[in-house]
Amino acid sequence: MSTDDEARTLLETEAFGVLIIGGGVGPESRAAMKECAALHRVRRVIDGALSEPFDAYVRREFEPVIREVAAEG
């Protein structure tokens, strides 16, 4: 978890191919993070709330996207 400013600072490094926005992020912050991600070479944004069980959700929803982006180099 991070603040908007912390997330923006991290995205500005252009070191991230995927941004995962969790369910606790408000609408204004969500829109701002998507905009920032688009400006800083993030190739995919996963926008959604987590569901239980967490480990199964991550494997099902996040891992395939992260692997795909990593393979693109």
N, C-alpha and C. Protein backbone atom coordinates (compact mmCIF):
# COMPACT_ATOMS: atom_id res chain seq x y z
N MET A 1 0.85 -1.17 0.00
CA MET A 1 0.00 0.00 0.00
C MET A 1 0.90 1.24 0.00
N SER A 2 0.50 2.26 -0.73
CA SER A 2 1.27 3.50 -0.78
C SER A 2 0.32 4.67 -0.97
N THR A 3 0.84 5.86 -0.69
CA THR A 3 0.06 7.06 -0.95
C THR A 3 0.11 7.37 -2.43
N ASP A 4 -0.73 8.28 -2.87
CA ASP A 4 -0.70 8.68 -4.29
C ASP A 4 0.68 9.22 -4.66
N ASP A 5 1.26 10.05 -3.80
CA ASP A 5 2.58 10.63 -4.10
C ASP A 5 3.65 9.55 -4.20
N GLU A 6 3.61 8.58 -3.28
CA GLU A 6 4.58 7.49 -3.33
C GLU A 6 4.41 6.67 -4.61
N ALA A 7 3.18 6.38 -4.95
CA ALA A 7 2.92 5.60 -6.17
C ALA A 7 3.37 6.36 -7.41
N ARG A 8 3.08 7.65 -7.46
CA ARG A 8 3.49 8.47 -8.59
C ARG A 8 5.01 8.50 -8.72
N THR A 9 5.71 8.65 -7.60
CA THR A 9 7.18 8.66 -7.61
C THR A 9 7.72 7.33 -8.15
N LEU A 10 7.13 6.23 -7.72
CA LEU A 10 7.56 4.93 -8.23
C LEU A 10 7.28 4.78 -9.72
N LEU A 11 6.11 5.20 -10.16
CA LEU A 11 5.76 5.09 -11.58
C LEU A 11 6.68 5.94 -12.45
N GLU A 12 7.11 7.07 -11.94
CA GLU A 12 7.99 7.97 -12.70
C GLU A 12 9.35 7.35 -12.98
N THR A 13 9.72 6.30 -12.26
CA THR A 13 10.99 5.61 -12.53
C THR A 13 10.93 4.82 -13.83
N GLU A 14 9.73 4.58 -14.32
CA GLU A 14 9.49 3.80 -15.54
C GLU A 14 10.05 2.39 -15.42
N ALA A 15 10.05 1.86 -14.21
CA ALA A 15 10.57 0.52 -13.95
C ALA A 15 9.47 -0.53 -13.84
N PHE A 16 8.23 -0.14 -14.06
CA PHE A 16 7.10 -1.05 -13.86
C PHE A 16 6.35 -1.28 -15.16
N GLY A 17 6.11 -2.55 -15.46
CA GLY A 17 5.33 -2.89 -16.63
C GLY A 17 3.85 -3.08 -16.33
N VAL A 18 3.55 -3.34 -15.04
CA VAL A 18 2.18 -3.61 -14.62
C VAL A 18 1.87 -2.78 -13.39
N LEU A 19 0.69 -2.17 -13.35
CA LEU A 19 0.19 -1.47 -12.17
C LEU A 19 -1.08 -2.17 -11.73
N ILE A 20 -1.12 -2.58 -10.46
CA ILE A 20 -2.30 -3.21 -9.89
C ILE A 20 -2.94 -2.21 -8.95
N ILE A 21 -4.19 -1.84 -9.24
CA ILE A 21 -4.93 -0.90 -8.40
C ILE A 21 -5.96 -1.71 -7.61
N GLY A 22 -5.83 -1.69 -6.30
CA GLY A 22 -6.71 -2.48 -5.44
C GLY A 22 -8.02 -1.79 -5.16
N GLY A 23 -8.90 -2.52 -4.50
CA GLY A 23 -10.24 -2.06 -4.22
C GLY A 23 -10.33 -0.89 -3.26
N GLY A 24 -9.30 -0.66 -2.45
CA GLY A 24 -9.33 0.43 -1.49
C GLY A 24 -8.96 1.79 -2.06
N VAL A 25 -8.68 1.85 -3.34
CA VAL A 25 -8.29 3.11 -3.98
C VAL A 25 -9.54 3.83 -4.46
N GLY A 26 -9.66 5.09 -4.06
CA GLY A 26 -10.82 5.88 -4.43
C GLY A 26 -10.83 6.27 -5.90
N PRO A 27 -11.97 6.72 -6.41
CA PRO A 27 -12.13 7.02 -7.83
C PRO A 27 -11.16 8.08 -8.35
N GLU A 28 -10.93 9.15 -7.60
CA GLU A 28 -10.02 10.20 -8.07
C GLU A 28 -8.59 9.70 -8.14
N SER A 29 -8.16 8.99 -7.09
CA SER A 29 -6.81 8.43 -7.08
C SER A 29 -6.64 7.38 -8.17
N ARG A 30 -7.67 6.58 -8.37
CA ARG A 30 -7.65 5.54 -9.40
C ARG A 30 -7.42 6.17 -10.78
N ALA A 31 -8.15 7.22 -11.09
CA ALA A 31 -8.00 7.89 -12.38
C ALA A 31 -6.62 8.53 -12.51
N ALA A 32 -6.14 9.14 -11.44
CA ALA A 32 -4.83 9.79 -11.47
C ALA A 32 -3.71 8.77 -11.68
N MET A 33 -3.82 7.61 -11.03
CA MET A 33 -2.79 6.57 -11.18
C MET A 33 -2.79 6.00 -12.60
N LYS A 34 -3.96 5.82 -13.17
CA LYS A 34 -4.04 5.33 -14.55
C LYS A 34 -3.39 6.32 -15.51
N GLU A 35 -3.66 7.60 -15.30
CA GLU A 35 -3.07 8.63 -16.15
C GLU A 35 -1.55 8.66 -16.00
N CYS A 36 -1.07 8.59 -14.78
CA CYS A 36 0.36 8.59 -14.52
C CYS A 36 1.01 7.35 -15.14
N ALA A 37 0.37 6.20 -15.00
CA ALA A 37 0.90 4.96 -15.57
C ALA A 37 1.04 5.07 -17.09
N ALA A 38 0.06 5.68 -17.73
CA ALA A 38 0.10 5.83 -19.19
C ALA A 38 1.26 6.71 -19.63
N LEU A 39 1.61 7.67 -18.82
CA LEU A 39 2.71 8.59 -19.15
C LEU A 39 4.08 7.98 -18.91
N HIS A 40 4.13 6.89 -18.12
CA HIS A 40 5.42 6.36 -17.70
C HIS A 40 5.62 4.90 -18.05
N ARG A 41 5.20 4.53 -19.25
CA ARG A 41 5.53 3.25 -19.88
C ARG A 41 4.98 2.02 -19.17
N VAL A 42 3.95 2.15 -18.36
CA VAL A 42 3.30 0.98 -17.78
C VAL A 42 2.45 0.36 -18.88
N ARG A 43 2.69 -0.91 -19.15
CA ARG A 43 2.02 -1.54 -20.29
C ARG A 43 0.64 -2.09 -19.96
N ARG A 44 0.40 -2.46 -18.71
CA ARG A 44 -0.90 -2.99 -18.34
C ARG A 44 -1.31 -2.46 -16.98
N VAL A 45 -2.60 -2.17 -16.84
CA VAL A 45 -3.17 -1.77 -15.55
C VAL A 45 -4.26 -2.77 -15.20
N ILE A 46 -4.15 -3.35 -14.02
CA ILE A 46 -5.18 -4.24 -13.50
C ILE A 46 -5.95 -3.43 -12.48
N ASP A 47 -7.22 -3.24 -12.73
CA ASP A 47 -8.05 -2.36 -11.91
C ASP A 47 -9.16 -3.18 -11.27
N GLY A 48 -9.00 -3.47 -10.00
CA GLY A 48 -10.05 -4.25 -9.36
C GLY A 48 -9.79 -4.55 -7.91
N ALA A 49 -10.81 -4.95 -7.25
CA ALA A 49 -10.73 -5.31 -5.84
C ALA A 49 -10.26 -6.75 -5.72
N LEU A 50 -9.60 -7.04 -4.63
CA LEU A 50 -9.15 -8.39 -4.37
C LEU A 50 -10.28 -9.21 -3.79
N SER A 51 -10.27 -10.48 -4.08
CA SER A 51 -11.27 -11.36 -3.49
C SER A 51 -10.57 -12.48 -2.73
N GLU A 52 -11.30 -13.16 -1.91
CA GLU A 52 -10.75 -14.27 -1.12
C GLU A 52 -10.90 -15.56 -1.89
N PRO A 53 -10.06 -16.53 -1.70
CA PRO A 53 -8.80 -16.44 -0.98
C PRO A 53 -7.77 -15.67 -1.80
N PHE A 54 -7.01 -14.85 -1.13
CA PHE A 54 -6.10 -13.92 -1.78
C PHE A 54 -5.09 -14.61 -2.68
N ASP A 55 -4.46 -15.69 -2.21
CA ASP A 55 -3.43 -16.34 -3.01
C ASP A 55 -3.99 -16.91 -4.31
N ALA A 56 -5.17 -17.48 -4.26
CA ALA A 56 -5.80 -18.01 -5.48
C ALA A 56 -6.16 -16.88 -6.43
N TYR A 57 -6.65 -15.78 -5.89
CA TYR A 57 -7.00 -14.62 -6.72
C TYR A 57 -5.77 -14.08 -7.44
N VAL A 58 -4.67 -13.94 -6.71
CA VAL A 58 -3.43 -13.43 -7.31
C VAL A 58 -2.96 -14.36 -8.42
N ARG A 59 -2.95 -15.66 -8.16
CA ARG A 59 -2.52 -16.61 -9.19
C ARG A 59 -3.42 -16.56 -10.42
N ARG A 60 -4.70 -16.43 -10.20
CA ARG A 60 -5.68 -16.45 -11.31
C ARG A 60 -5.68 -15.14 -12.10
N GLU A 61 -5.65 -14.00 -11.40
CA GLU A 61 -5.84 -12.71 -12.06
C GLU A 61 -4.54 -11.97 -12.39
N PHE A 62 -3.59 -11.99 -11.49
CA PHE A 62 -2.40 -11.15 -11.66
C PHE A 62 -1.25 -11.86 -12.35
N GLU A 63 -0.96 -13.09 -11.95
CA GLU A 63 0.21 -13.77 -12.48
C GLU A 63 0.20 -13.88 -14.01
N PRO A 64 -0.92 -14.23 -14.64
CA PRO A 64 -0.87 -14.32 -16.11
C PRO A 64 -0.52 -13.00 -16.78
N VAL A 65 -1.03 -11.90 -16.26
CA VAL A 65 -0.75 -10.59 -16.84
C VAL A 65 0.71 -10.22 -16.63
N ILE A 66 1.20 -10.44 -15.42
CA ILE A 66 2.59 -10.10 -15.13
C ILE A 66 3.53 -10.94 -15.99
N ARG A 67 3.25 -12.22 -16.13
CA ARG A 67 4.08 -13.08 -16.98
C ARG A 67 4.04 -12.61 -18.43
N GLU A 68 2.88 -12.23 -18.93
CA GLU A 68 2.74 -11.76 -20.30
C GLU A 68 3.58 -10.51 -20.54
N VAL A 69 3.48 -9.56 -19.64
CA VAL A 69 4.25 -8.32 -19.80
C VAL A 69 5.74 -8.58 -19.67
N ALA A 70 6.13 -9.44 -18.75
CA ALA A 70 7.54 -9.78 -18.58
C ALA A 70 8.10 -10.43 -19.85
N ALA A 71 7.30 -11.27 -20.48
CA ALA A 71 7.74 -11.95 -21.70
C ALA A 71 7.91 -10.97 -22.87
N GLU A 72 7.14 -9.89 -22.85
CA GLU A 72 7.25 -8.88 -23.90
C GLU A 72 8.55 -8.11 -23.78
N GLY A 73 9.15 -8.14 -22.60
CA GLY A 73 10.44 -7.51 -22.36
C GLY A 73 10.33 -6.08 -22.24
